[in-house]
Each structure stands twice: as structure tokens, then as C-alpha cells.
Amino acid sequence: MPTSADHSAGLLLYRRRESLEVFIGHMGGPIWARRDAAAWSIPKGLIEPGENDFATARREFAEEIGQPAPEAEYVRLGDFRYVSGKIVTVFAAESDLGFAEHEFASNPVTVEWPRGSGHQITFPEIDRAEWCPADVARSRLVKGQVPAVAALEAILR
């Protein structure tokens, strides 16, 4: 069983337009600033001790997107393992979210940058979020989360 240090939970919202679209966020900070491929994530975060995975997913969505997770019928897509061994449990729901970019407000993160410099910088955990077609999301998402999109498509067939 993974520990909370290597087990996250997140929400993958989807909507049906001309194609299936999913809601993802671009990771903030200097490492990801100029990247698009494999630099996006499902809103997610670490499961705290004593917290259940669905509660974590909802809390993390609110922290990273700046608004509560929508009330919807969520399904558990599964647990997805990264090459590093980390696991993310993903829940999905159909929702249009009513997202407006001017309402976006991700929680700030402070880290040492450059590493080993002693200098601290603060930036948003997610610097932008948007709906994108599922086929585009596959190239944007970090590799460990790509199978969650395939799992979503499989249950929608």
C-alpha cells in the first residue's frame, strides 16, 4: 500500500463538445514555464494521513483551481502509477464547470530556486487551466496521467 508521500488523488472533469474535452492545469514555476508537452496535470495532490482519496481530490481541486469542485456524479477511474512509483487515484465527472479564466486562483507554492541557492521563490501551483480535447491532453499531461484519459474514454464508450 502506498504511503501518503507517494499517493495523490485528483479530479478529471470532462465535457462533450465536438469531441471529448477534459479540464487540466499547466504546472507553475520555472521548471514548467516554457514547456507544454508533459507539463500539464489533472488537479490533484497528496492524500493527507487519515483523509480519504475522494476528499483529497475535492480539496486539491479547490486549492489548485480556486473554486470548489462541481457537484456531479463522480466515478473512480482507478489508480495510475508513475514510473517513479507514485500513484494517483483519479475520479471523473461530467461537468461544464462554468470556469472563467478571470476566476482562476491557484494556491501559491514556495520553493528554493535554483536548488541549492538558498533563494526562495513563490509561484502558483497551477499557472493556467483550460478545457482541451482528450487527444490534445494526451501530449500535454505528465506521462503517468495519460492512462487516466484512456480509462475515461473506455467507460464513456
C-alpha atoms as a PDB file:
ATOM      1  CA  MET A   1       0.000   0.000   0.000  1.00  0.00           C
ATOM      2  CA  PRO A   2       1.490   3.388  -0.953  1.00  0.00           C
ATOM      3  CA  THR A   3       2.201   5.947   1.747  1.00  0.00           C
ATOM      4  CA  SER A   4       0.660   9.415   1.662  1.00  0.00           C
ATOM      5  CA  ALA A   5       4.047  10.739   0.479  1.00  0.00           C
ATOM      6  CA  ASP A   6       3.662   8.885  -2.804  1.00  0.00           C
ATOM      7  CA  HIS A   7      -0.119   8.679  -3.215  1.00  0.00           C
ATOM      8  CA  SER A   8      -2.186  11.533  -4.646  1.00  0.00           C
ATOM      9  CA  ALA A   9      -5.803  11.900  -5.690  1.00  0.00           C
ATOM     10  CA  GLY A  10      -7.376  14.138  -8.308  1.00  0.00           C
ATOM     11  CA  LEU A  11     -10.437  15.020 -10.355  1.00  0.00           C
ATOM     12  CA  LEU A  12     -10.666  14.722 -14.122  1.00  0.00           C
ATOM     13  CA  LEU A  13     -13.631  16.742 -15.313  1.00  0.00           C
ATOM     14  CA  TYR A  14     -14.912  16.187 -18.815  1.00  0.00           C
ATOM     15  CA  ARG A  15     -17.483  17.610 -21.172  1.00  0.00           C
ATOM     16  CA  ARG A  16     -18.761  16.594 -24.568  1.00  0.00           C
ATOM     17  CA  ARG A  17     -18.439  19.136 -27.354  1.00  0.00           C
ATOM     18  CA  GLU A  18     -17.435  18.363 -30.932  1.00  0.00           C
ATOM     19  CA  SER A  19     -15.075  15.928 -29.209  1.00  0.00           C
ATOM     20  CA  LEU A  20     -14.489  14.810 -25.645  1.00  0.00           C
ATOM     21  CA  GLU A  21     -12.786  17.603 -23.672  1.00  0.00           C
ATOM     22  CA  VAL A  22     -11.021  17.371 -20.321  1.00  0.00           C
ATOM     23  CA  PHE A  23     -10.099  20.062 -17.803  1.00  0.00           C
ATOM     24  CA  ILE A  24      -6.377  20.194 -16.963  1.00  0.00           C
ATOM     25  CA  GLY A  25      -3.906  22.656 -15.464  1.00  0.00           C
ATOM     26  CA  HIS A  26      -0.427  23.778 -16.505  1.00  0.00           C
ATOM     27  CA  MET A  27       2.072  23.391 -13.667  1.00  0.00           C
ATOM     28  CA  GLY A  28       3.533  26.647 -12.382  1.00  0.00           C
ATOM     29  CA  GLY A  29       7.104  27.583 -11.677  1.00  0.00           C
ATOM     30  CA  PRO A  30      10.355  27.927 -13.568  1.00  0.00           C
ATOM     31  CA  ILE A  31      10.755  24.248 -14.473  1.00  0.00           C
ATOM     32  CA  TRP A  32       7.489  24.236 -16.435  1.00  0.00           C
ATOM     33  CA  ALA A  33       7.368  27.859 -17.665  1.00  0.00           C
ATOM     34  CA  ARG A  34       8.416  27.218 -21.269  1.00  0.00           C
ATOM     35  CA  ARG A  35       7.067  23.691 -21.580  1.00  0.00           C
ATOM     36  CA  ASP A  36       3.769  22.468 -22.944  1.00  0.00           C
ATOM     37  CA  ALA A  37       4.299  18.768 -23.634  1.00  0.00           C
ATOM     38  CA  ALA A  38       4.110  16.710 -20.423  1.00  0.00           C
ATOM     39  CA  ALA A  39       3.790  19.918 -18.354  1.00  0.00           C
ATOM     40  CA  TRP A  40       0.074  19.738 -17.525  1.00  0.00           C
ATOM     41  CA  SER A  41      -1.719  17.846 -14.788  1.00  0.00           C
ATOM     42  CA  ILE A  42      -5.079  16.716 -13.574  1.00  0.00           C
ATOM     43  CA  PRO A  43      -5.825  18.894 -10.492  1.00  0.00           C
ATOM     44  CA  LYS A  44      -4.527  16.598  -7.740  1.00  0.00           C
ATOM     45  CA  GLY A  45      -2.465  16.416  -4.594  1.00  0.00           C
ATOM     46  CA  LEU A  46      -1.131  14.283  -1.782  1.00  0.00           C
ATOM     47  CA  ILE A  47      -3.529  12.337   0.396  1.00  0.00           C
ATOM     48  CA  GLU A  48      -3.116  13.543   3.994  1.00  0.00           C
ATOM     49  CA  PRO A  49      -2.953  10.968   6.812  1.00  0.00           C
ATOM     50  CA  GLY A  50      -6.500   9.968   7.766  1.00  0.00           C
ATOM     51  CA  GLU A  51      -8.049  11.635   4.689  1.00  0.00           C
ATOM     52  CA  ASN A  52      -9.905   9.557   2.118  1.00  0.00           C
ATOM     53  CA  ASP A  53      -8.911   9.790  -1.521  1.00  0.00           C
ATOM     54  CA  PHE A  54     -12.127  11.410  -2.771  1.00  0.00           C
ATOM     55  CA  ALA A  55     -11.984  14.116  -0.071  1.00  0.00           C
ATOM     56  CA  THR A  56      -8.378  14.767  -1.097  1.00  0.00           C
ATOM     57  CA  ALA A  57      -9.329  15.056  -4.765  1.00  0.00           C
ATOM     58  CA  ARG A  58     -12.058  17.616  -3.989  1.00  0.00           C
ATOM     59  CA  ARG A  59      -9.818  19.622  -1.614  1.00  0.00           C
ATOM     60  CA  GLU A  60      -6.955  19.708  -4.082  1.00  0.00           C
ATOM     61  CA  PHE A  61      -9.232  20.810  -6.921  1.00  0.00           C
ATOM     62  CA  ALA A  62     -10.385  23.793  -4.843  1.00  0.00           C
ATOM     63  CA  GLU A  63      -6.809  24.680  -3.864  1.00  0.00           C
ATOM     64  CA  GLU A  64      -5.375  24.402  -7.364  1.00  0.00           C
ATOM     65  CA  ILE A  65      -8.243  25.913  -9.364  1.00  0.00           C
ATOM     66  CA  GLY A  66      -9.557  28.430  -6.842  1.00  0.00           C
ATOM     67  CA  GLN A  67     -13.157  27.252  -6.798  1.00  0.00           C
ATOM     68  CA  PRO A  68     -14.908  24.239  -5.304  1.00  0.00           C
ATOM     69  CA  ALA A  69     -15.148  21.041  -7.262  1.00  0.00           C
ATOM     70  CA  PRO A  70     -18.504  20.946  -9.020  1.00  0.00           C
ATOM     71  CA  GLU A  71     -21.356  18.906  -7.593  1.00  0.00           C
ATOM     72  CA  ALA A  72     -21.584  15.999 -10.001  1.00  0.00           C
ATOM     73  CA  GLU A  73     -21.742  12.238 -10.166  1.00  0.00           C
ATOM     74  CA  TYR A  74     -18.111  11.137  -9.837  1.00  0.00           C
ATOM     75  CA  VAL A  75     -16.775   7.725 -10.813  1.00  0.00           C
ATOM     76  CA  ARG A  76     -13.467   6.277  -9.716  1.00  0.00           C
ATOM     77  CA  LEU A  77     -11.338   5.768 -12.836  1.00  0.00           C
ATOM     78  CA  GLY A  78      -8.645   3.912 -10.953  1.00  0.00           C
ATOM     79  CA  ASP A  79      -5.130   4.143  -9.584  1.00  0.00           C
ATOM     80  CA  PHE A  80      -2.432   5.161 -12.046  1.00  0.00           C
ATOM     81  CA  ARG A  81       1.246   4.511 -11.302  1.00  0.00           C
ATOM     82  CA  TYR A  82       4.030   6.821 -12.446  1.00  0.00           C
ATOM     83  CA  VAL A  83       7.424   5.442 -13.499  1.00  0.00           C
ATOM     84  CA  SER A  84       8.726   6.870 -10.183  1.00  0.00           C
ATOM     85  CA  GLY A  85       6.323   4.598  -8.292  1.00  0.00           C
ATOM     86  CA  LYS A  86       4.000   7.397  -7.231  1.00  0.00           C
ATOM     87  CA  ILE A  87       0.294   6.640  -7.565  1.00  0.00           C
ATOM     88  CA  VAL A  88      -2.560   8.987  -8.405  1.00  0.00           C
ATOM     89  CA  THR A  89      -6.162   7.928  -7.800  1.00  0.00           C
ATOM     90  CA  VAL A  90      -8.413   9.671 -10.312  1.00  0.00           C
ATOM     91  CA  PHE A  91     -12.137  10.383 -10.118  1.00  0.00           C
ATOM     92  CA  ALA A  92     -14.027  11.678 -13.160  1.00  0.00           C
ATOM     93  CA  ALA A  93     -17.284  13.547 -13.649  1.00  0.00           C
ATOM     94  CA  GLU A  94     -19.109  15.244 -16.462  1.00  0.00           C
ATOM     95  CA  SER A  95     -19.396  18.955 -15.717  1.00  0.00           C
ATOM     96  CA  ASP A  96     -19.104  22.172 -17.656  1.00  0.00           C
ATOM     97  CA  LEU A  97     -17.655  23.782 -14.500  1.00  0.00           C
ATOM     98  CA  GLY A  98     -18.604  27.304 -15.600  1.00  0.00           C
ATOM     99  CA  PHE A  99     -14.892  28.092 -15.492  1.00  0.00           C
ATOM    100  CA  ALA A 100     -13.874  31.648 -16.290  1.00  0.00           C
ATOM    101  CA  GLU A 101     -10.161  32.378 -16.572  1.00  0.00           C
ATOM    102  CA  HIS A 102     -10.511  35.612 -14.569  1.00  0.00           C
ATOM    103  CA  GLU A 103     -11.816  33.499 -11.646  1.00  0.00           C
ATOM    104  CA  PHE A 104      -8.770  31.221 -11.658  1.00  0.00           C
ATOM    105  CA  ALA A 105      -6.651  31.467  -8.488  1.00  0.00           C
ATOM    106  CA  SER A 106      -4.290  28.604  -7.662  1.00  0.00           C
ATOM    107  CA  ASN A 107      -2.662  28.302  -4.252  1.00  0.00           C
ATOM    108  CA  PRO A 108       0.924  29.603  -4.038  1.00  0.00           C
ATOM    109  CA  VAL A 109       3.948  27.354  -3.542  1.00  0.00           C
ATOM    110  CA  THR A 110       7.313  28.491  -2.185  1.00  0.00           C
ATOM    111  CA  VAL A 111      10.456  26.575  -3.159  1.00  0.00           C
ATOM    112  CA  GLU A 112      14.187  27.099  -3.228  1.00  0.00           C
ATOM    113  CA  TRP A 113      15.208  28.157  -6.745  1.00  0.00           C
ATOM    114  CA  PRO A 114      17.623  27.453  -8.165  1.00  0.00           C
ATOM    115  CA  ARG A 115      18.032  24.371  -6.000  1.00  0.00           C
ATOM    116  CA  GLY A 116      20.836  24.771  -3.516  1.00  0.00           C
ATOM    117  CA  SER A 117      20.925  28.578  -3.909  1.00  0.00           C
ATOM    118  CA  GLY A 118      19.150  29.473  -0.659  1.00  0.00           C
ATOM    119  CA  HIS A 119      16.876  31.797  -2.677  1.00  0.00           C
ATOM    120  CA  GLN A 120      13.124  31.254  -2.194  1.00  0.00           C
ATOM    121  CA  ILE A 121      10.559  31.985  -4.900  1.00  0.00           C
ATOM    122  CA  THR A 122       6.770  31.799  -4.747  1.00  0.00           C
ATOM    123  CA  PHE A 123       4.560  30.955  -7.700  1.00  0.00           C
ATOM    124  CA  PRO A 124       1.094  29.456  -8.310  1.00  0.00           C
ATOM    125  CA  GLU A 125       0.973  25.659  -8.197  1.00  0.00           C
ATOM    126  CA  ILE A 126      -1.060  25.757 -11.428  1.00  0.00           C
ATOM    127  CA  ASP A 127      -0.461  28.851 -13.570  1.00  0.00           C
ATOM    128  CA  ARG A 128      -3.334  28.300 -16.009  1.00  0.00           C
ATOM    129  CA  ALA A 129      -6.116  25.813 -16.564  1.00  0.00           C
ATOM    130  CA  GLU A 130      -8.285  25.056 -19.550  1.00  0.00           C
ATOM    131  CA  TRP A 131     -10.515  22.638 -21.379  1.00  0.00           C
ATOM    132  CA  CYS A 132      -8.810  20.773 -24.186  1.00  0.00           C
ATOM    133  CA  PRO A 133      -9.697  17.867 -26.459  1.00  0.00           C
ATOM    134  CA  ALA A 134      -8.773  14.494 -24.969  1.00  0.00           C
ATOM    135  CA  ASP A 135      -6.351  13.765 -27.834  1.00  0.00           C
ATOM    136  CA  VAL A 136      -4.505  17.038 -27.097  1.00  0.00           C
ATOM    137  CA  ALA A 137      -4.481  16.268 -23.363  1.00  0.00           C
ATOM    138  CA  ARG A 138      -2.514  13.074 -24.045  1.00  0.00           C
ATOM    139  CA  SER A 139       0.505  15.081 -25.218  1.00  0.00           C
ATOM    140  CA  ARG A 140       0.115  17.768 -22.559  1.00  0.00           C
ATOM    141  CA  LEU A 141      -0.323  15.613 -19.449  1.00  0.00           C
ATOM    142  CA  VAL A 142       2.579  14.206 -17.473  1.00  0.00           C
ATOM    143  CA  LYS A 143       3.052  10.653 -18.709  1.00  0.00           C
ATOM    144  CA  GLY A 144       1.768   8.947 -15.560  1.00  0.00           C
ATOM    145  CA  GLN A 145      -1.644  10.591 -16.002  1.00  0.00           C
ATOM    146  CA  VAL A 146      -2.196   9.784 -19.691  1.00  0.00           C
ATOM    147  CA  PRO A 147      -3.734   6.371 -18.868  1.00  0.00           C
ATOM    148  CA  ALA A 148      -6.482   8.167 -16.902  1.00  0.00           C
ATOM    149  CA  VAL A 149      -7.707   9.764 -20.145  1.00  0.00           C
ATOM    150  CA  ALA A 150      -7.779   6.332 -21.814  1.00  0.00           C
ATOM    151  CA  ALA A 151      -9.715   4.935 -18.830  1.00  0.00           C
ATOM    152  CA  LEU A 152     -12.227   7.781 -19.128  1.00  0.00           C
ATOM    153  CA  GLU A 153     -12.709   7.152 -22.843  1.00  0.00           C
ATOM    154  CA  ALA A 154     -13.188   3.442 -22.157  1.00  0.00           C
ATOM    155  CA  ILE A 155     -16.006   3.992 -19.656  1.00  0.00           C
ATOM    156  CA  LEU A 156     -17.715   6.501 -21.959  1.00  0.00           C
ATOM    157  CA  ARG A 157     -17.833   4.043 -24.900  1.00  0.00           C
END
